[in-house]
Protein backbone atom coordinates (compact mmCIF):
# COMPACT_ATOMS: atom_id res chain seq x y z
CA MET A 1 -83.01 -73.58 -90.48
CA ASP A 2 -83.18 -77.34 -89.91
CA SER A 3 -80.23 -79.39 -91.07
CA LEU A 4 -80.57 -80.59 -94.64
CA GLU A 5 -80.45 -84.20 -95.71
CA LEU A 6 -77.64 -84.53 -98.24
CA PRO A 7 -76.46 -87.54 -100.23
CA LYS A 8 -73.18 -89.13 -99.22
CA ARG A 9 -69.88 -88.00 -100.69
CA ILE A 10 -68.31 -90.18 -103.35
CA PHE A 11 -65.13 -90.08 -101.22
CA THR A 12 -64.83 -89.72 -97.46
CA LEU A 13 -63.76 -86.22 -96.44
CA GLY A 14 -59.98 -86.15 -96.16
CA GLU A 15 -59.56 -89.34 -98.17
CA GLU A 16 -59.97 -87.89 -101.67
CA PRO A 17 -57.54 -89.54 -104.10
CA PHE A 18 -54.39 -87.61 -104.93
CA PRO A 19 -54.17 -86.81 -108.66
CA ILE A 20 -51.82 -89.28 -110.29
CA LYS A 21 -51.10 -86.92 -113.17
CA SER A 22 -52.73 -84.02 -114.98
CA ILE A 23 -56.20 -84.68 -116.36
CA ALA A 24 -55.96 -85.17 -120.10
CA TYR A 25 -58.55 -83.71 -122.45
CA HIS A 26 -59.17 -83.59 -126.20
CA THR A 27 -60.49 -80.04 -126.61
CA ASP A 28 -58.59 -76.83 -127.36
CA ASP A 29 -56.34 -78.17 -130.16
CA SER A 30 -53.77 -75.44 -130.86
CA LYS A 31 -52.80 -76.78 -134.29
CA LEU A 32 -56.43 -76.90 -135.36
CA PHE A 33 -57.21 -73.30 -134.46
CA SER A 34 -53.94 -71.99 -135.83
CA ALA A 35 -54.91 -73.60 -139.13
CA VAL A 36 -58.32 -71.88 -138.98
CA ARG A 37 -56.74 -68.48 -138.39
CA ASP A 38 -54.26 -68.96 -141.24
CA ALA A 39 -56.82 -70.26 -143.76
CA LEU A 40 -59.74 -67.89 -143.30
CA HIS A 41 -59.72 -64.31 -144.53
CA ASP A 42 -59.87 -61.67 -141.80
CA ASP A 43 -63.53 -60.85 -142.43
CA GLU A 44 -64.44 -64.56 -142.44
CA TYR A 45 -62.64 -65.16 -139.16
CA GLU A 46 -64.31 -62.13 -137.55
CA GLU A 47 -67.71 -63.34 -138.74
CA LEU A 48 -67.01 -66.72 -137.22
CA LYS A 49 -65.86 -65.14 -133.96
CA GLU A 50 -69.03 -63.03 -133.71
CA SER A 51 -71.31 -65.99 -134.44
CA ARG A 52 -73.21 -67.90 -131.76
CA LEU A 53 -70.26 -70.30 -131.56
CA GLY A 54 -67.65 -67.56 -131.52
CA VAL A 55 -67.23 -67.80 -127.74
CA PHE A 56 -65.01 -70.83 -128.36
CA LEU A 57 -62.63 -68.81 -130.53
CA LYS A 58 -62.58 -65.98 -127.99
CA PHE A 59 -61.83 -68.50 -125.25
CA LYS A 60 -59.03 -70.01 -127.32
CA GLU A 61 -57.47 -66.58 -127.91
CA MET A 62 -57.28 -66.04 -124.11
CA ASP A 63 -54.64 -68.77 -123.72
CA PHE A 64 -56.54 -70.07 -120.69
CA GLY A 65 -54.44 -71.74 -117.97
CA TRP A 66 -55.57 -75.28 -117.20
CA ALA A 67 -55.63 -76.09 -113.45
CA SER A 68 -55.94 -79.86 -113.39
CA ARG A 69 -55.57 -80.27 -109.63
CA LEU A 70 -58.32 -77.76 -108.92
CA VAL A 71 -60.73 -79.56 -111.25
CA HIS A 72 -59.75 -82.97 -109.88
CA TYR A 73 -60.41 -82.07 -106.25
CA MET A 74 -63.75 -80.43 -106.98
CA LEU A 75 -64.75 -83.58 -108.85
CA CYS A 76 -63.67 -85.64 -105.83
CA PHE A 77 -65.77 -83.46 -103.50
CA GLN A 78 -68.88 -84.65 -105.35
CA LEU A 79 -72.02 -85.92 -103.72
CA ASN A 80 -73.39 -89.24 -104.93
CA ILE A 81 -76.60 -87.98 -106.50
CA LYS A 82 -78.98 -89.84 -108.77
CA LYS A 83 -79.51 -87.22 -111.46
CA LYS A 84 -77.33 -88.05 -114.42
CA TYR A 85 -76.99 -84.52 -115.73
CA GLU A 86 -76.22 -82.65 -112.53
CA LEU A 87 -73.03 -82.59 -110.52
CA TRP A 88 -72.93 -81.39 -106.91
CA SER A 89 -69.70 -80.73 -105.01
CA LEU A 90 -69.76 -80.26 -101.25
CA VAL A 91 -67.50 -77.46 -99.98
CA GLY A 92 -67.68 -77.33 -96.22
CA ALA A 93 -71.40 -77.65 -95.50
CA ASP A 94 -72.46 -76.09 -98.79
CA PRO A 95 -73.36 -78.10 -101.91
CA LEU A 96 -72.62 -76.35 -105.20
CA ARG A 97 -74.41 -77.37 -108.37
CA PHE A 98 -73.02 -77.69 -111.89
CA SER A 99 -75.83 -78.35 -114.33
CA LEU A 100 -77.07 -77.34 -117.77
CA ILE A 101 -78.28 -74.07 -116.27
CA GLU A 102 -74.82 -73.06 -115.04
CA PHE A 103 -73.26 -74.28 -118.30
CA GLU A 104 -75.62 -72.04 -120.29
CA GLN A 105 -75.06 -69.04 -118.03
CA LEU A 106 -71.30 -69.38 -118.28
CA THR A 107 -70.99 -69.96 -122.01
CA GLY A 108 -73.98 -68.14 -123.47
CA LEU A 109 -74.43 -71.08 -125.85
CA ASN A 110 -77.79 -72.25 -127.12
CA CYS A 111 -78.94 -74.95 -124.71
CA GLU A 112 -82.57 -75.24 -125.80
CA TYR A 113 -84.32 -78.59 -125.86
CA ILE A 114 -85.10 -80.19 -129.21
CA GLU A 115 -86.19 -83.67 -130.08
CA HIS A 116 -83.67 -86.04 -131.62
CA LEU A 117 -80.79 -83.90 -130.40
CA GLU A 118 -78.11 -86.39 -131.40
CA ASN A 119 -79.82 -87.75 -134.48
CA PRO A 120 -81.50 -84.89 -136.35
CA ARG A 121 -82.94 -85.34 -139.80
CA CYS A 122 -80.36 -84.28 -142.39
CA GLU A 123 -80.84 -85.25 -146.01
CA VAL A 124 -77.73 -86.18 -148.00
CA ILE A 125 -77.56 -84.01 -151.11
CA ASN A 126 -75.01 -83.76 -153.91
CA GLU A 127 -73.48 -80.59 -152.47
CA MET A 128 -72.86 -82.40 -149.18
CA ALA A 129 -71.29 -85.41 -150.89
CA SER A 130 -69.03 -83.12 -152.93
CA PHE A 131 -67.90 -81.13 -149.88
CA TRP A 132 -67.18 -84.26 -147.87
CA GLU A 133 -65.24 -85.69 -150.80
CA ARG A 134 -63.06 -82.58 -150.93
CA ILE A 135 -62.30 -82.94 -147.23
CA GLY A 136 -61.46 -86.58 -147.83
CA VAL A 137 -64.09 -88.43 -145.79
CA SER A 138 -67.24 -90.34 -146.57
CA VAL A 139 -70.67 -88.80 -146.05
CA ASP A 140 -71.40 -91.26 -143.25
CA ALA A 141 -68.33 -90.23 -141.23
CA GLY A 142 -67.57 -86.75 -139.94
CA PRO A 143 -64.03 -85.41 -140.34
CA SER A 144 -61.38 -85.72 -137.65
CA SER A 145 -59.34 -82.73 -136.48
CA GLU A 146 -56.41 -83.92 -138.60
CA GLN A 147 -58.59 -84.10 -141.71
CA ILE A 148 -59.95 -80.60 -141.07
CA ILE A 149 -56.41 -79.26 -140.69
CA ARG A 150 -55.38 -80.83 -144.00
CA ALA A 151 -58.45 -79.33 -145.71
CA LEU A 152 -57.73 -75.89 -144.23
CA LYS A 153 -54.23 -75.97 -145.74
CA ARG A 154 -55.58 -76.42 -149.27
CA CYS A 155 -58.84 -74.46 -149.23
CA GLN A 156 -57.55 -71.15 -150.64
CA GLU A 157 -59.69 -71.40 -153.77
CA TRP A 158 -62.79 -72.70 -152.00
CA SER A 159 -65.90 -70.56 -151.63
CA ARG A 160 -66.63 -68.32 -148.67
CA ASP A 161 -69.37 -70.69 -147.53
CA ASP A 162 -66.95 -73.60 -147.60
CA HIS A 163 -64.43 -71.57 -145.58
CA MET A 164 -67.13 -70.93 -142.98
CA ARG A 165 -68.04 -74.61 -142.99
CA LEU A 166 -64.44 -75.54 -142.24
CA GLY A 167 -64.35 -72.96 -139.45
CA TYR A 168 -67.51 -74.31 -137.87
CA LEU A 169 -66.25 -77.87 -138.21
CA ALA A 170 -63.03 -76.86 -136.44
CA ILE A 171 -65.04 -75.48 -133.51
CA PHE A 172 -67.24 -78.58 -133.52
CA SER A 173 -64.30 -80.97 -133.55
CA GLY A 174 -62.10 -78.89 -131.27
CA PHE A 175 -64.50 -78.13 -128.44
CA ILE A 176 -67.80 -79.99 -128.83
CA GLU A 177 -66.49 -83.32 -130.16
CA GLY A 178 -68.20 -86.12 -131.98
CA ARG A 179 -68.72 -86.64 -135.70
CA ASN A 180 -72.31 -87.77 -136.22
CA LEU A 181 -73.65 -84.19 -136.28
CA ALA A 182 -71.00 -82.73 -138.57
CA ARG A 183 -73.13 -83.01 -141.72
CA LEU A 184 -75.42 -80.27 -140.35
CA VAL A 185 -72.73 -77.80 -141.45
CA MET A 186 -74.08 -77.79 -145.00
CA ASP A 187 -76.84 -75.46 -143.77
CA LEU A 188 -74.78 -72.70 -142.16
CA GLU A 189 -77.70 -70.95 -140.46
CA ARG A 190 -79.04 -74.19 -139.02
CA PHE A 191 -75.57 -75.16 -137.83
CA GLU A 192 -74.94 -71.84 -136.10
CA ASN A 193 -78.30 -71.94 -134.32
CA TYR A 194 -78.28 -75.61 -133.32
CA PRO A 195 -78.32 -76.15 -129.51
CA TRP A 196 -74.60 -76.94 -129.38
CA GLY A 197 -74.50 -75.93 -125.73
CA ARG A 198 -76.79 -78.82 -124.90
CA VAL A 199 -74.71 -81.19 -127.03
CA ALA A 200 -71.43 -80.02 -125.47
CA PHE A 201 -72.83 -80.28 -121.94
CA LYS A 202 -74.06 -83.82 -122.54
CA VAL A 203 -70.70 -84.93 -123.98
CA LEU A 204 -68.92 -83.53 -120.92
CA MET A 205 -71.28 -84.98 -118.32
CA ASP A 206 -71.40 -88.41 -119.96
CA SER A 207 -67.61 -88.46 -119.83
CA LEU A 208 -67.32 -87.30 -116.21
CA ARG A 209 -69.89 -89.83 -115.01
CA ALA A 210 -67.80 -92.67 -116.47
CA LYS A 211 -64.47 -91.73 -114.84
CA ASP A 212 -62.58 -93.46 -112.05
CA PHE A 213 -60.96 -90.57 -110.16
CA THR A 214 -58.58 -92.92 -108.34
CA LYS A 215 -56.68 -93.48 -111.60
CA SER A 216 -55.34 -91.27 -114.36
CA TYR A 217 -58.15 -90.28 -116.71
CA THR A 218 -59.01 -88.34 -119.86
CA VAL A 219 -62.13 -86.19 -120.14
CA ASP A 220 -64.15 -85.80 -123.33
CA GLY A 221 -65.78 -82.46 -123.94
CA PHE A 222 -65.26 -78.87 -122.85
CA ILE A 223 -63.91 -79.52 -119.34
CA GLN A 224 -62.43 -76.01 -119.00
CA VAL A 225 -65.92 -74.62 -118.37
CA PHE A 226 -65.98 -76.61 -115.11
CA GLN A 227 -62.82 -74.82 -113.98
CA VAL A 228 -64.38 -71.43 -114.73
CA TRP A 229 -67.52 -72.51 -112.85
CA ILE A 230 -65.33 -73.14 -109.78
CA TYR A 231 -63.92 -69.62 -109.97
CA HIS A 232 -67.43 -68.13 -110.05
CA ALA A 233 -68.86 -70.45 -107.38
CA LEU A 234 -65.91 -69.78 -105.02
CA PRO A 235 -65.18 -66.10 -105.68
CA GLU A 236 -62.28 -65.71 -103.25
CA LEU A 237 -60.51 -68.66 -104.84
CA GLY A 238 -61.25 -67.23 -108.27
CA ALA A 239 -59.79 -63.88 -107.26
CA ASN A 240 -56.62 -65.47 -105.87
CA TYR A 241 -55.96 -68.21 -108.41
CA GLY A 242 -58.12 -67.59 -111.48
CA ASN A 243 -56.45 -64.42 -112.80
CA PRO A 244 -59.74 -62.49 -113.20
CA LEU A 245 -59.97 -60.01 -116.05
CA PRO A 246 -61.19 -56.43 -115.55
CA ASN A 247 -64.55 -55.07 -116.69
CA ARG A 248 -66.45 -58.36 -116.17
CA PRO A 249 -66.25 -59.79 -119.73
CA SER A 250 -69.34 -61.46 -121.17
CA PRO A 251 -70.19 -64.27 -121.23
CA PRO A 252 -68.78 -65.20 -117.78
CA LEU A 253 -66.69 -67.96 -119.39
CA LEU A 254 -64.31 -65.21 -120.51
CA ALA A 255 -63.95 -63.59 -117.07
CA PHE A 256 -60.83 -65.52 -116.00
CA LYS A 257 -57.53 -66.40 -117.66
CA GLY A 258 -57.08 -69.40 -115.36
CA GLY A 259 -53.86 -70.52 -113.76
CA LYS A 260 -51.76 -73.62 -113.36
CA GLY A 261 -48.91 -74.95 -111.31
CA TYR A 262 -50.46 -74.61 -107.85
CA LYS A 263 -50.19 -77.61 -105.53
CA CYS A 264 -52.35 -76.29 -102.69
CA PHE A 265 -55.75 -76.30 -104.38
CA LYS A 266 -57.28 -78.84 -102.02
CA ASP A 267 -56.49 -76.66 -99.00
CA ALA A 268 -57.52 -73.54 -100.89
CA ILE A 269 -60.94 -75.05 -101.61
CA SER A 270 -61.34 -76.08 -97.97
CA ARG A 271 -60.58 -72.54 -96.82
CA GLN A 272 -63.51 -71.28 -98.88
CA VAL A 273 -66.07 -72.33 -96.26
CA ILE A 274 -65.95 -69.14 -94.16
CA ILE A 275 -65.30 -66.89 -97.15
CA PHE A 276 -68.14 -68.43 -99.13
CA LEU A 277 -70.63 -68.18 -96.29
CA SER A 278 -69.88 -64.48 -95.94
CA HIS A 279 -71.30 -63.94 -99.43
CA LEU A 280 -74.55 -65.81 -98.90
CA ASN A 281 -77.69 -63.77 -99.29
CA LYS A 282 -80.32 -66.41 -98.59
CA PHE A 283 -81.23 -70.03 -99.20
CA LEU A 284 -83.78 -71.09 -101.80
CA MET A 285 -85.57 -74.32 -100.96
CA CYS A 286 -86.49 -76.32 -104.02
CA ARG A 287 -86.88 -79.81 -105.40
CA THR A 288 -83.50 -80.70 -106.87
CA PHE A 289 -82.61 -84.36 -106.65
CA GLY A 290 -86.06 -85.80 -107.17
CA GLN A 291 -85.55 -89.14 -105.44
CA LYS A 292 -87.38 -90.09 -102.26
CA GLU A 293 -84.15 -90.53 -100.29
CA HIS A 294 -83.27 -86.93 -101.11
CA SER A 295 -86.32 -85.28 -99.66
CA ARG A 296 -84.77 -81.87 -99.01
CA SER A 297 -82.15 -79.98 -100.93
CA PHE A 298 -81.37 -76.43 -101.85
CA ASP A 299 -79.73 -74.14 -104.31
CA ILE A 300 -77.44 -71.40 -103.11
CA ILE A 301 -78.01 -67.86 -104.30
CA ILE A 302 -74.81 -65.79 -104.30
CA ASN A 303 -75.47 -62.12 -103.84
CA LYS A 304 -72.04 -61.16 -105.16
CA PHE A 305 -72.59 -62.88 -108.51
CA PRO A 306 -76.18 -62.24 -109.64
CA ARG A 307 -75.44 -63.68 -113.08
CA MET A 308 -74.62 -66.99 -111.44
CA ILE A 309 -77.88 -67.39 -109.50
CA PHE A 310 -78.78 -71.07 -109.38
CA HIS A 311 -82.42 -71.29 -110.42
CA GLN A 312 -84.91 -74.13 -110.23
CA PRO A 313 -83.29 -77.09 -112.02
CA LEU A 314 -84.34 -77.79 -115.57
CA SER A 315 -85.68 -81.14 -116.62
CA ILE A 316 -83.25 -82.52 -119.17
CA ASN A 317 -84.40 -85.26 -121.50
CA TYR A 318 -81.98 -86.63 -124.05
CA ARG A 319 -83.78 -88.79 -126.59
């Protein structure tokens, strides 16, 4: 196969910035989810956990180990591509893609395209105004995590639907972030089936694109999914450092407990070149980057992880 034209790295190989301190993030608030578990009845909590957003509660219950250095170095191995909603990291000679497709495969969340994703039509009704008043916020502003916690501590006499609304709002605030879509919770079915995967992916990618990796930084959104993606994309590293769980849990987000405290992640990633190549089945040539200067690129199909096959990239339009 002819050599492939790849974009330049964002940092010269060997000169990636050392992490100043652990990457900070806003998701996975322990106080928030403890309040949810304490406030909801057992059947309500189980219903929430088995909903389309329940993967977040299952992930929280795993006590996942955050590996900041691993995430930092994979971010620093990025290629400087033009597509806003794709991230490519170069490991050895092999570019690995993190996009909406991988995000959906890992989380199982609804990532379908809809118009007006971040500004859907939602009529303000009396029931909504009353619910928001009980939480202690105006209709125009969604509740913060602290406000949700306070509401959960005094919701014992609230209806089952209101309990479920508080549970969904906790997931929304704790993992997806943002307040302008919170009012959708008044329609429980619509809220559960909204393409939150697409929203969560966009929040994460917008945050990562704005970071200066030479300084300390905080990431908005569900950054832990990027760590799990690394474990799946580099299976030997995942086996050694990711604490894989038996029986291949589904969705793949739940397949690793994670791990922290390792200082050798940069070298561990570099050692993946030979290991990773041994798992290659074939190359799939496809149009990925889309710009003229990136005339040839490819996705890598990993025979060992058929669920993680990297398909033809999806066109993502956020309006």
